[in-house]
N, C-alpha and C. Protein backbone atom coordinates (compact mmCIF):
# COMPACT_ATOMS: atom_id res chain seq x y z
N MET A 1 0.69 -1.15 0.20
CA MET A 1 0.07 -0.09 -0.06
C MET A 1 0.69 1.43 -0.11
N THR A 2 2.05 1.18 -0.31
CA THR A 2 3.15 2.22 -0.15
C THR A 2 2.59 3.00 -1.45
N TYR A 3 1.87 2.76 -2.48
CA TYR A 3 1.80 3.77 -3.46
C TYR A 3 0.55 4.82 -3.21
N LEU A 4 -0.41 4.25 -2.14
CA LEU A 4 -1.17 5.29 -1.53
C LEU A 4 -0.74 6.50 -0.96
N GLY A 5 0.34 6.26 -0.47
CA GLY A 5 1.00 7.51 0.19
C GLY A 5 0.22 8.18 1.40
N GLY A 6 -0.67 7.52 2.08
CA GLY A 6 -1.44 7.81 3.21
C GLY A 6 -2.88 8.26 2.75
N VAL A 7 -3.03 8.15 1.55
CA VAL A 7 -4.20 8.50 0.77
C VAL A 7 -5.15 7.13 1.39
N ALA A 8 -6.60 7.36 1.55
CA ALA A 8 -7.27 6.12 2.07
C ALA A 8 -7.73 5.53 0.56
N PRO A 9 -7.79 4.50 0.42
CA PRO A 9 -8.12 3.40 -0.91
C PRO A 9 -9.20 3.73 -1.42
N ASP A 10 -10.16 4.32 -0.79
CA ASP A 10 -11.27 4.76 -1.22
C ASP A 10 -11.63 6.24 -1.76
N HIS A 11 -10.57 6.60 -1.84
CA HIS A 11 -10.41 8.02 -2.16
C HIS A 11 -10.55 8.13 -3.69
N PRO A 12 -11.32 9.38 -4.17
CA PRO A 12 -11.24 9.23 -5.66
C PRO A 12 -9.89 9.48 -6.21
N ASP A 13 -8.96 10.46 -5.53
CA ASP A 13 -7.46 10.38 -6.17
C ASP A 13 -6.83 8.90 -6.58
N VAL A 14 -7.26 7.74 -5.79
CA VAL A 14 -6.89 6.53 -5.95
C VAL A 14 -7.40 5.68 -7.07
N SER A 15 -8.85 5.81 -6.85
CA SER A 15 -9.60 5.03 -7.83
C SER A 15 -11.10 5.69 -8.18
N PRO A 16 -11.02 6.17 -9.52
CA PRO A 16 -12.16 6.91 -9.91
C PRO A 16 -13.31 6.39 -9.84
N LEU A 17 -13.57 5.21 -9.14
CA LEU A 17 -14.86 4.35 -8.97
C LEU A 17 -15.65 5.09 -7.98
N PHE A 18 -14.74 5.90 -7.07
CA PHE A 18 -15.10 6.38 -5.71
C PHE A 18 -15.22 7.93 -6.24
N GLY A 19 -15.10 8.52 -7.33
CA GLY A 19 -15.27 9.58 -7.55
C GLY A 19 -16.87 10.43 -7.74
N ASP A 20 -17.21 11.45 -8.39
CA ASP A 20 -18.34 11.86 -8.63
C ASP A 20 -18.64 11.57 -10.23
N TRP A 21 -19.86 10.86 -10.42
CA TRP A 21 -20.15 10.34 -11.94
C TRP A 21 -20.91 11.04 -12.37
N ALA A 22 -21.67 12.33 -11.67
CA ALA A 22 -22.89 13.03 -12.15
C ALA A 22 -22.44 13.78 -13.36
N GLY A 23 -23.30 13.89 -14.20
CA GLY A 23 -23.11 14.86 -15.40
C GLY A 23 -21.98 14.59 -16.38
N LEU A 24 -21.54 13.16 -16.43
CA LEU A 24 -20.61 12.70 -17.48
C LEU A 24 -21.27 12.70 -18.91
N ALA A 25 -20.52 12.40 -19.93
CA ALA A 25 -20.83 12.50 -21.44
C ALA A 25 -21.03 11.08 -21.21
N PRO A 26 -21.92 10.39 -22.55
CA PRO A 26 -22.54 9.10 -22.69
C PRO A 26 -21.21 8.34 -22.62
N LEU A 27 -21.23 7.08 -22.05
CA LEU A 27 -19.89 6.43 -21.65
C LEU A 27 -20.43 4.96 -22.43
N HIS A 28 -19.06 4.22 -22.83
CA HIS A 28 -19.22 3.00 -23.50
C HIS A 28 -17.88 2.03 -23.05
N PHE A 29 -18.19 0.91 -22.25
CA PHE A 29 -17.24 0.12 -21.73
C PHE A 29 -17.08 -0.93 -22.60
N HIS A 30 -15.77 -1.22 -22.87
CA HIS A 30 -15.61 -2.31 -23.59
C HIS A 30 -14.41 -3.15 -22.75
N VAL A 31 -14.61 -4.57 -22.37
CA VAL A 31 -14.08 -5.49 -21.32
C VAL A 31 -14.20 -6.85 -22.19
N SER A 32 -12.99 -7.67 -21.71
CA SER A 32 -13.43 -9.09 -22.08
C SER A 32 -13.68 -9.82 -20.53
N ASP A 33 -14.33 -11.00 -20.99
CA ASP A 33 -14.63 -11.46 -19.79
C ASP A 33 -13.60 -12.53 -19.24
N THR A 34 -12.41 -12.17 -19.56
CA THR A 34 -11.10 -12.89 -19.09
C THR A 34 -10.39 -11.85 -18.53
N GLU A 35 -10.53 -10.73 -18.32
CA GLU A 35 -9.91 -9.69 -17.89
C GLU A 35 -10.16 -9.55 -16.58
N ILE A 36 -8.86 -9.15 -15.52
CA ILE A 36 -8.85 -8.70 -14.37
C ILE A 36 -9.89 -7.46 -13.94
N ILE A 37 -9.98 -6.93 -15.11
CA ILE A 37 -10.39 -5.38 -14.71
C ILE A 37 -12.28 -5.73 -15.08
N LEU A 38 -12.76 -6.75 -15.19
CA LEU A 38 -13.95 -7.13 -15.78
C LEU A 38 -15.03 -6.48 -14.51
N ASP A 39 -14.67 -6.81 -13.18
CA ASP A 39 -15.67 -6.42 -12.03
C ASP A 39 -15.45 -4.91 -12.30
N ASP A 40 -14.38 -4.17 -12.04
CA ASP A 40 -14.22 -2.89 -12.00
C ASP A 40 -15.03 -2.14 -13.22
N SER A 41 -15.20 -2.70 -14.43
CA SER A 41 -15.77 -2.33 -15.72
C SER A 41 -17.20 -2.38 -15.13
N ARG A 42 -17.77 -3.41 -14.69
CA ARG A 42 -19.23 -3.60 -14.23
C ARG A 42 -19.30 -2.33 -13.19
N ARG A 43 -18.48 -2.46 -12.16
CA ARG A 43 -18.75 -1.30 -11.08
C ARG A 43 -18.60 -0.12 -11.55
N ALA A 44 -18.04 0.38 -12.46
CA ALA A 44 -17.90 1.73 -13.18
C ALA A 44 -19.27 2.03 -13.77
N ALA A 45 -19.60 0.85 -14.73
CA ALA A 45 -21.06 1.59 -15.48
C ALA A 45 -22.00 1.43 -14.54
N GLU A 46 -22.31 0.74 -13.40
CA GLU A 46 -23.05 0.93 -12.59
C GLU A 46 -22.94 2.08 -11.66
N ARG A 47 -22.05 2.55 -11.46
CA ARG A 47 -21.88 3.84 -10.65
C ARG A 47 -22.24 4.68 -11.64
N ALA A 48 -22.21 4.98 -13.05
CA ALA A 48 -22.51 6.30 -13.95
C ALA A 48 -23.90 5.89 -14.22
N ARG A 49 -24.34 4.89 -14.19
CA ARG A 49 -26.01 4.82 -14.17
C ARG A 49 -26.59 5.27 -13.18
N ARG A 50 -26.16 4.72 -11.98
CA ARG A 50 -26.73 5.52 -10.85
C ARG A 50 -26.77 7.04 -10.71
N ALA A 51 -25.70 7.72 -11.30
CA ALA A 51 -25.50 9.01 -11.28
C ALA A 51 -26.13 9.52 -12.11
N GLY A 52 -26.99 8.60 -13.10
CA GLY A 52 -27.94 9.46 -14.18
C GLY A 52 -27.24 9.41 -15.61
N ASN A 53 -26.16 8.80 -15.92
CA ASN A 53 -25.50 8.96 -16.92
C ASN A 53 -26.31 7.91 -18.14
N ARG A 54 -26.19 7.91 -19.27
CA ARG A 54 -26.25 7.16 -20.32
C ARG A 54 -24.99 5.98 -20.22
N VAL A 55 -25.16 5.07 -20.35
CA VAL A 55 -23.80 4.27 -20.14
C VAL A 55 -24.06 2.63 -20.82
N THR A 56 -23.18 2.07 -21.82
CA THR A 56 -23.14 0.92 -22.41
C THR A 56 -22.00 0.41 -21.99
N LEU A 57 -22.58 -0.95 -21.32
CA LEU A 57 -21.17 -2.14 -21.41
C LEU A 57 -21.12 -3.23 -22.05
N THR A 58 -19.99 -3.31 -22.89
CA THR A 58 -19.93 -4.54 -23.72
C THR A 58 -18.83 -5.34 -22.95
N ILE A 59 -19.46 -6.60 -23.06
CA ILE A 59 -18.61 -7.81 -22.29
C ILE A 59 -18.39 -8.58 -23.52
N TRP A 60 -17.02 -8.68 -23.85
CA TRP A 60 -16.65 -9.46 -25.08
C TRP A 60 -16.31 -10.75 -24.41
N HIS A 61 -16.43 -12.05 -25.04
CA HIS A 61 -15.91 -13.27 -24.79
C HIS A 61 -14.71 -13.72 -25.23
N ASP A 62 -13.54 -14.20 -24.23
CA ASP A 62 -12.39 -14.56 -24.59
C ASP A 62 -11.64 -13.98 -25.64
N VAL A 63 -11.28 -12.76 -25.22
CA VAL A 63 -10.21 -11.96 -25.97
C VAL A 63 -9.40 -11.21 -25.18
N PRO A 64 -8.20 -10.99 -25.47
CA PRO A 64 -6.93 -10.47 -24.63
C PRO A 64 -7.50 -9.18 -24.48
N HIS A 65 -6.88 -8.54 -23.55
CA HIS A 65 -6.82 -7.03 -23.18
C HIS A 65 -6.46 -6.42 -24.31
N SER A 66 -6.84 -5.18 -24.66
CA SER A 66 -6.83 -4.24 -25.71
C SER A 66 -6.68 -4.99 -26.93
N PHE A 67 -7.58 -5.93 -27.09
CA PHE A 67 -8.24 -6.73 -28.37
C PHE A 67 -8.40 -5.64 -29.56
N TYR A 68 -8.83 -4.68 -29.15
CA TYR A 68 -9.27 -3.97 -30.21
C TYR A 68 -8.17 -3.33 -31.15
N TYR A 69 -7.13 -3.60 -30.82
CA TYR A 69 -5.89 -3.27 -31.40
C TYR A 69 -5.47 -4.45 -32.28
N MET A 70 -5.96 -5.51 -32.53
CA MET A 70 -5.60 -6.52 -32.94
C MET A 70 -6.22 -6.99 -34.11
N ASN A 71 -6.19 -6.57 -35.45
CA ASN A 71 -6.54 -6.71 -36.48
C ASN A 71 -6.87 -7.87 -36.94
N ALA A 72 -6.12 -8.91 -36.63
CA ALA A 72 -6.35 -10.45 -37.01
C ALA A 72 -7.74 -10.80 -36.27
N LEU A 73 -8.33 -10.35 -35.35
CA LEU A 73 -9.63 -10.47 -34.84
C LEU A 73 -10.70 -10.13 -35.25
N ARG A 74 -11.59 -10.60 -35.52
CA ARG A 74 -12.96 -10.23 -36.00
C ARG A 74 -13.61 -9.46 -34.72
N GLU A 75 -13.43 -9.64 -33.44
CA GLU A 75 -14.12 -8.84 -32.53
C GLU A 75 -13.46 -7.64 -32.33
N ALA A 76 -12.13 -7.34 -32.83
CA ALA A 76 -11.32 -6.27 -32.81
C ALA A 76 -12.36 -5.08 -34.00
N TRP A 77 -12.76 -5.63 -35.12
CA TRP A 77 -13.16 -4.87 -36.28
C TRP A 77 -14.84 -4.61 -35.75
N ARG A 78 -15.33 -5.47 -34.84
CA ARG A 78 -16.80 -5.27 -34.56
C ARG A 78 -16.68 -4.19 -33.39
N CYS A 79 -15.71 -4.29 -32.64
CA CYS A 79 -15.43 -3.36 -31.44
C CYS A 79 -15.46 -2.03 -32.00
N ARG A 80 -14.44 -1.99 -32.92
CA ARG A 80 -14.55 -0.54 -33.38
C ARG A 80 -15.58 0.10 -34.25
N ALA A 81 -16.27 -0.91 -34.76
CA ALA A 81 -17.56 -0.41 -35.20
C ALA A 81 -18.58 -0.13 -34.31
N GLU A 82 -18.59 -0.60 -33.04
CA GLU A 82 -19.28 -0.37 -31.98
C GLU A 82 -19.19 1.16 -31.67
N VAL A 83 -17.79 1.24 -31.42
CA VAL A 83 -17.26 2.74 -30.96
C VAL A 83 -17.41 3.85 -31.88
N VAL A 84 -17.28 3.52 -33.28
CA VAL A 84 -17.86 4.84 -34.21
C VAL A 84 -19.48 4.86 -34.14
N ALA A 85 -19.99 3.92 -33.97
CA ALA A 85 -21.78 3.91 -34.12
C ALA A 85 -22.11 4.68 -32.81
N PHE A 86 -21.40 4.36 -31.41
CA PHE A 86 -21.94 5.08 -30.28
C PHE A 86 -21.25 6.51 -30.28
N VAL A 87 -20.18 6.94 -30.97
CA VAL A 87 -19.66 8.30 -30.86
C VAL A 87 -20.51 9.15 -31.73
N GLY A 88 -21.04 8.52 -33.03
CA GLY A 88 -21.71 9.01 -33.80
C GLY A 88 -23.23 9.47 -33.28
N ALA A 89 -23.69 8.46 -32.48
CA ALA A 89 -24.95 8.70 -31.99
C ALA A 89 -25.05 9.75 -30.83
N ALA A 90 -23.74 9.65 -30.03
CA ALA A 90 -23.87 10.75 -28.88
C ALA A 90 -23.62 11.94 -29.57
N LEU A 91 -22.89 12.21 -30.81
CA LEU A 91 -22.72 13.42 -31.19
C LEU A 91 -23.84 14.02 -31.74
N ARG A 92 -24.90 13.18 -32.35
CA ARG A 92 -26.38 13.43 -32.81
C ARG A 92 -27.06 13.94 -31.97
N GLN A 93 -27.05 13.53 -30.45
CA GLN A 93 -27.65 13.74 -29.57
C GLN A 93 -27.50 15.43 -29.21
N MET A 94 -26.52 15.72 -29.42
CA MET A 94 -25.94 16.96 -28.40
C MET A 94 -26.77 18.02 -29.11
């Protein structure tokens, strides 16, 4: 816990999960079901929803972390297409 530098582990400076999620732009989380950050992604999406934000959480099956950069994976192409569609929809609603 040296990296905390005396700051409580539930302080927003340590983890954004404990910060103020109100008033954020629409969010779209992408995570693999094999990642250690899966539960944090679920928690973040839930925190954002409870704060009244529009949130999408896509959980991909059996792909590695940062899979969306791996052009050899079909899931990468689908993920990037989802991101483009999400951003386009968010911009149209502004």
